[in-house]
Amino acid sequence: MQTKICKVVEQSSVVYVPSKKQENGQLAKSMIRLRELGGDYEDEYICAMFGNLAQCKFAEGCIVVASLRFQTHESNGSYFQDVVANEIQPLK
């Protein structure tokens, strides 16, 4: 897990995906694009947000502290990386 200070580039709307772990059988999911501070060509991360965090709306250009979890997995000989935002707090 890594903690980074980033700027919000954009955020998708909330969608609900099936989940066996939730009481109502659905889990809120949203995607957010974060860019590290420093310029237009800094590293960017497309992160998935789940549950209550997915329902939070962050303004474009907002500076946030994000706790990110990186995972890789293999499928049919190809490797993929997932980035999940565990916590995002706006800086004031």
N, C-alpha and C. Protein backbone atom coordinates (compact mmCIF):
# COMPACT_ATOMS: atom_id res chain seq x y z
N MET A 1 0.85 -1.17 0.00
CA MET A 1 0.00 0.00 0.00
C MET A 1 0.90 1.24 0.00
N GLN A 2 0.50 2.24 -0.78
CA GLN A 2 1.25 3.48 -0.85
C GLN A 2 0.32 4.66 -0.61
N THR A 3 0.84 5.68 0.03
CA THR A 3 0.09 6.91 0.24
C THR A 3 0.70 7.99 -0.64
N LYS A 4 -0.13 8.67 -1.42
CA LYS A 4 0.34 9.66 -2.37
C LYS A 4 -0.51 10.92 -2.27
N ILE A 5 0.12 12.07 -2.55
CA ILE A 5 -0.60 13.33 -2.68
C ILE A 5 -0.81 13.56 -4.17
N CYS A 6 -2.06 13.69 -4.57
CA CYS A 6 -2.41 13.77 -5.99
C CYS A 6 -3.47 14.83 -6.24
N LYS A 7 -3.65 15.13 -7.53
CA LYS A 7 -4.72 16.01 -7.98
C LYS A 7 -5.75 15.15 -8.70
N VAL A 8 -7.02 15.41 -8.45
CA VAL A 8 -8.10 14.68 -9.11
C VAL A 8 -8.24 15.21 -10.54
N VAL A 9 -8.13 14.32 -11.52
CA VAL A 9 -8.30 14.69 -12.93
C VAL A 9 -9.75 14.51 -13.34
N GLU A 10 -10.33 13.36 -13.01
CA GLU A 10 -11.74 13.11 -13.30
C GLU A 10 -12.23 11.93 -12.47
N GLN A 11 -13.56 11.83 -12.38
CA GLN A 11 -14.18 10.74 -11.63
C GLN A 11 -15.42 10.28 -12.37
N SER A 12 -15.61 8.98 -12.45
CA SER A 12 -16.79 8.44 -13.12
C SER A 12 -17.99 8.48 -12.19
N SER A 13 -19.16 8.25 -12.75
CA SER A 13 -20.36 8.16 -11.93
C SER A 13 -20.38 6.80 -11.23
N VAL A 14 -21.20 6.71 -10.21
CA VAL A 14 -21.29 5.48 -9.41
C VAL A 14 -22.13 4.44 -10.16
N VAL A 15 -21.62 3.21 -10.19
CA VAL A 15 -22.38 2.08 -10.72
C VAL A 15 -22.46 1.04 -9.61
N TYR A 16 -23.44 0.17 -9.69
CA TYR A 16 -23.61 -0.86 -8.68
C TYR A 16 -23.34 -2.22 -9.31
N VAL A 17 -22.43 -2.96 -8.69
CA VAL A 17 -22.03 -4.27 -9.20
C VAL A 17 -22.50 -5.35 -8.22
N PRO A 18 -22.77 -6.56 -8.71
CA PRO A 18 -23.20 -7.64 -7.82
C PRO A 18 -22.11 -7.99 -6.80
N SER A 19 -22.53 -8.26 -5.57
CA SER A 19 -21.60 -8.63 -4.51
C SER A 19 -22.28 -9.58 -3.54
N LYS A 20 -21.65 -10.71 -3.27
CA LYS A 20 -22.20 -11.67 -2.32
C LYS A 20 -21.94 -11.24 -0.88
N LYS A 21 -21.01 -10.30 -0.68
CA LYS A 21 -20.65 -9.87 0.67
C LYS A 21 -21.58 -8.80 1.22
N GLN A 22 -22.32 -8.12 0.36
CA GLN A 22 -23.21 -7.05 0.80
C GLN A 22 -24.60 -7.61 1.11
N GLU A 23 -25.27 -6.99 2.08
CA GLU A 23 -26.61 -7.44 2.47
C GLU A 23 -27.60 -7.36 1.32
N ASN A 24 -27.54 -6.26 0.55
CA ASN A 24 -28.50 -6.08 -0.54
C ASN A 24 -28.00 -6.69 -1.85
N GLY A 25 -26.83 -7.30 -1.85
CA GLY A 25 -26.32 -7.98 -3.03
C GLY A 25 -25.66 -7.07 -4.05
N GLN A 26 -25.52 -5.76 -3.72
CA GLN A 26 -24.89 -4.83 -4.64
C GLN A 26 -23.84 -4.00 -3.92
N LEU A 27 -22.78 -3.64 -4.66
CA LEU A 27 -21.68 -2.86 -4.12
C LEU A 27 -21.46 -1.66 -5.03
N ALA A 28 -21.36 -0.47 -4.44
CA ALA A 28 -21.10 0.74 -5.21
C ALA A 28 -19.66 0.74 -5.71
N LYS A 29 -19.48 1.14 -6.97
CA LYS A 29 -18.14 1.18 -7.57
C LYS A 29 -18.02 2.45 -8.41
N SER A 30 -16.87 3.10 -8.31
CA SER A 30 -16.58 4.29 -9.09
C SER A 30 -15.10 4.28 -9.45
N MET A 31 -14.76 4.90 -10.56
CA MET A 31 -13.36 5.01 -10.98
C MET A 31 -12.93 6.47 -10.84
N ILE A 32 -11.68 6.67 -10.41
CA ILE A 32 -11.14 8.02 -10.27
C ILE A 32 -9.75 8.06 -10.90
N ARG A 33 -9.45 9.14 -11.58
CA ARG A 33 -8.14 9.33 -12.21
C ARG A 33 -7.37 10.36 -11.40
N LEU A 34 -6.23 9.94 -10.86
CA LEU A 34 -5.40 10.80 -10.02
C LEU A 34 -4.06 11.05 -10.70
N ARG A 35 -3.55 12.29 -10.58
CA ARG A 35 -2.23 12.65 -11.14
C ARG A 35 -1.35 13.16 -10.00
N GLU A 36 -0.12 12.65 -9.94
CA GLU A 36 0.82 13.14 -8.94
C GLU A 36 1.10 14.61 -9.19
N LEU A 37 1.45 15.34 -8.15
CA LEU A 37 1.72 16.76 -8.28
C LEU A 37 3.05 17.01 -8.99
N GLY A 38 3.15 18.15 -9.67
CA GLY A 38 4.41 18.51 -10.30
C GLY A 38 4.27 19.02 -11.71
N GLY A 39 3.26 18.60 -12.45
CA GLY A 39 3.12 19.06 -13.82
C GLY A 39 2.11 18.23 -14.59
N ASP A 40 1.99 18.55 -15.89
CA ASP A 40 1.02 17.84 -16.73
C ASP A 40 1.47 16.44 -17.11
N TYR A 41 2.75 16.13 -16.97
CA TYR A 41 3.27 14.84 -17.42
C TYR A 41 3.70 13.95 -16.27
N GLU A 42 3.16 14.18 -15.10
CA GLU A 42 3.45 13.34 -13.94
C GLU A 42 2.68 12.02 -14.07
N ASP A 43 3.07 11.04 -13.24
CA ASP A 43 2.41 9.74 -13.26
C ASP A 43 0.93 9.89 -12.91
N GLU A 44 0.10 9.09 -13.59
CA GLU A 44 -1.33 9.06 -13.33
C GLU A 44 -1.76 7.66 -12.95
N TYR A 45 -2.82 7.57 -12.17
CA TYR A 45 -3.36 6.30 -11.73
C TYR A 45 -4.87 6.29 -11.96
N ILE A 46 -5.37 5.24 -12.57
CA ILE A 46 -6.81 5.02 -12.68
C ILE A 46 -7.16 4.04 -11.56
N CYS A 47 -7.92 4.50 -10.59
CA CYS A 47 -8.17 3.72 -9.38
C CYS A 47 -9.65 3.36 -9.27
N ALA A 48 -9.91 2.18 -8.76
CA ALA A 48 -11.28 1.77 -8.43
C ALA A 48 -11.56 2.16 -6.98
N MET A 49 -12.76 2.64 -6.74
CA MET A 49 -13.22 2.94 -5.38
C MET A 49 -14.49 2.11 -5.15
N PHE A 50 -14.61 1.54 -3.96
CA PHE A 50 -15.75 0.68 -3.65
C PHE A 50 -16.47 1.17 -2.40
N GLY A 51 -17.74 0.78 -2.27
CA GLY A 51 -18.52 1.05 -1.06
C GLY A 51 -18.79 2.53 -0.84
N ASN A 52 -18.68 2.96 0.42
CA ASN A 52 -18.96 4.35 0.77
C ASN A 52 -18.02 5.32 0.07
N LEU A 53 -16.77 4.93 -0.11
CA LEU A 53 -15.81 5.81 -0.78
C LEU A 53 -16.24 6.09 -2.21
N ALA A 54 -16.81 5.10 -2.88
CA ALA A 54 -17.25 5.28 -4.27
C ALA A 54 -18.36 6.31 -4.38
N GLN A 55 -19.12 6.50 -3.32
CA GLN A 55 -20.23 7.44 -3.36
C GLN A 55 -19.80 8.87 -3.05
N CYS A 56 -18.55 9.06 -2.63
CA CYS A 56 -18.02 10.40 -2.40
C CYS A 56 -17.67 11.03 -3.74
N LYS A 57 -17.96 12.32 -3.88
CA LYS A 57 -17.65 13.03 -5.12
C LYS A 57 -16.50 14.00 -4.84
N PHE A 58 -15.43 13.90 -5.64
CA PHE A 58 -14.27 14.77 -5.51
C PHE A 58 -14.23 15.69 -6.72
N ALA A 59 -14.07 16.98 -6.48
CA ALA A 59 -14.06 17.97 -7.56
C ALA A 59 -12.80 17.85 -8.40
N GLU A 60 -12.94 18.10 -9.68
CA GLU A 60 -11.79 18.11 -10.58
C GLU A 60 -10.81 19.20 -10.13
N GLY A 61 -9.53 18.85 -10.03
CA GLY A 61 -8.52 19.79 -9.57
C GLY A 61 -8.29 19.78 -8.08
N CYS A 62 -9.12 19.06 -7.34
CA CYS A 62 -9.00 18.95 -5.88
C CYS A 62 -7.71 18.19 -5.53
N ILE A 63 -6.97 18.68 -4.54
CA ILE A 63 -5.76 18.01 -4.07
C ILE A 63 -6.17 17.05 -2.95
N VAL A 64 -5.74 15.80 -3.07
CA VAL A 64 -6.14 14.77 -2.11
C VAL A 64 -4.94 13.94 -1.66
N VAL A 65 -5.10 13.31 -0.51
CA VAL A 65 -4.15 12.30 -0.04
C VAL A 65 -4.84 10.96 -0.25
N ALA A 66 -4.22 10.09 -1.03
CA ALA A 66 -4.85 8.82 -1.40
C ALA A 66 -3.99 7.65 -0.93
N SER A 67 -4.63 6.69 -0.30
CA SER A 67 -3.99 5.43 0.08
C SER A 67 -4.35 4.42 -1.00
N LEU A 68 -3.34 3.98 -1.77
CA LEU A 68 -3.57 3.13 -2.94
C LEU A 68 -2.99 1.74 -2.72
N ARG A 69 -3.74 0.72 -3.17
CA ARG A 69 -3.29 -0.67 -3.10
C ARG A 69 -3.10 -1.17 -4.53
N PHE A 70 -1.92 -1.71 -4.81
CA PHE A 70 -1.58 -2.20 -6.14
C PHE A 70 -1.58 -3.72 -6.13
N GLN A 71 -2.25 -4.34 -7.11
CA GLN A 71 -2.29 -5.79 -7.23
C GLN A 71 -2.05 -6.17 -8.69
N THR A 72 -1.38 -7.28 -8.90
CA THR A 72 -1.22 -7.81 -10.26
C THR A 72 -1.80 -9.21 -10.31
N HIS A 73 -2.26 -9.59 -11.50
CA HIS A 73 -2.76 -10.95 -11.69
C HIS A 73 -2.54 -11.35 -13.14
N GLU A 74 -2.53 -12.65 -13.36
CA GLU A 74 -2.29 -13.22 -14.69
C GLU A 74 -3.58 -13.85 -15.19
N SER A 75 -3.86 -13.66 -16.47
CA SER A 75 -5.03 -14.27 -17.09
C SER A 75 -4.69 -14.59 -18.54
N ASN A 76 -4.74 -15.87 -18.88
CA ASN A 76 -4.46 -16.33 -20.25
C ASN A 76 -3.10 -15.85 -20.78
N GLY A 77 -2.10 -15.87 -19.93
CA GLY A 77 -0.76 -15.49 -20.34
C GLY A 77 -0.49 -14.00 -20.35
N SER A 78 -1.47 -13.18 -20.01
CA SER A 78 -1.28 -11.73 -19.93
C SER A 78 -1.32 -11.30 -18.47
N TYR A 79 -0.57 -10.26 -18.15
CA TYR A 79 -0.52 -9.75 -16.78
C TYR A 79 -1.22 -8.41 -16.70
N PHE A 80 -1.97 -8.22 -15.61
CA PHE A 80 -2.75 -7.01 -15.42
C PHE A 80 -2.45 -6.45 -14.03
N GLN A 81 -2.58 -5.12 -13.90
CA GLN A 81 -2.40 -4.47 -12.61
C GLN A 81 -3.68 -3.73 -12.25
N ASP A 82 -4.15 -3.93 -11.04
CA ASP A 82 -5.31 -3.22 -10.52
C ASP A 82 -4.84 -2.24 -9.46
N VAL A 83 -5.44 -1.06 -9.45
CA VAL A 83 -5.15 -0.06 -8.43
C VAL A 83 -6.47 0.24 -7.72
N VAL A 84 -6.49 0.03 -6.41
CA VAL A 84 -7.69 0.27 -5.61
C VAL A 84 -7.39 1.38 -4.61
N ALA A 85 -8.25 2.38 -4.56
CA ALA A 85 -8.12 3.45 -3.57
C ALA A 85 -8.83 2.99 -2.30
N ASN A 86 -8.06 2.79 -1.24
CA ASN A 86 -8.65 2.37 0.04
C ASN A 86 -9.20 3.54 0.82
N GLU A 87 -8.55 4.70 0.68
CA GLU A 87 -8.98 5.90 1.40
C GLU A 87 -8.53 7.12 0.62
N ILE A 88 -9.38 8.12 0.55
CA ILE A 88 -9.04 9.39 -0.09
C ILE A 88 -9.54 10.51 0.81
N GLN A 89 -8.64 11.42 1.17
CA GLN A 89 -8.99 12.56 2.00
C GLN A 89 -8.59 13.84 1.27
N PRO A 90 -9.51 14.80 1.11
CA PRO A 90 -9.14 16.07 0.47
C PRO A 90 -8.28 16.91 1.41
N LEU A 91 -7.32 17.63 0.84
CA LEU A 91 -6.52 18.58 1.62
C LEU A 91 -7.22 19.92 1.56
N LYS A 92 -7.23 20.63 2.66
CA LYS A 92 -7.93 21.93 2.69
C LYS A 92 -6.97 23.08 2.60
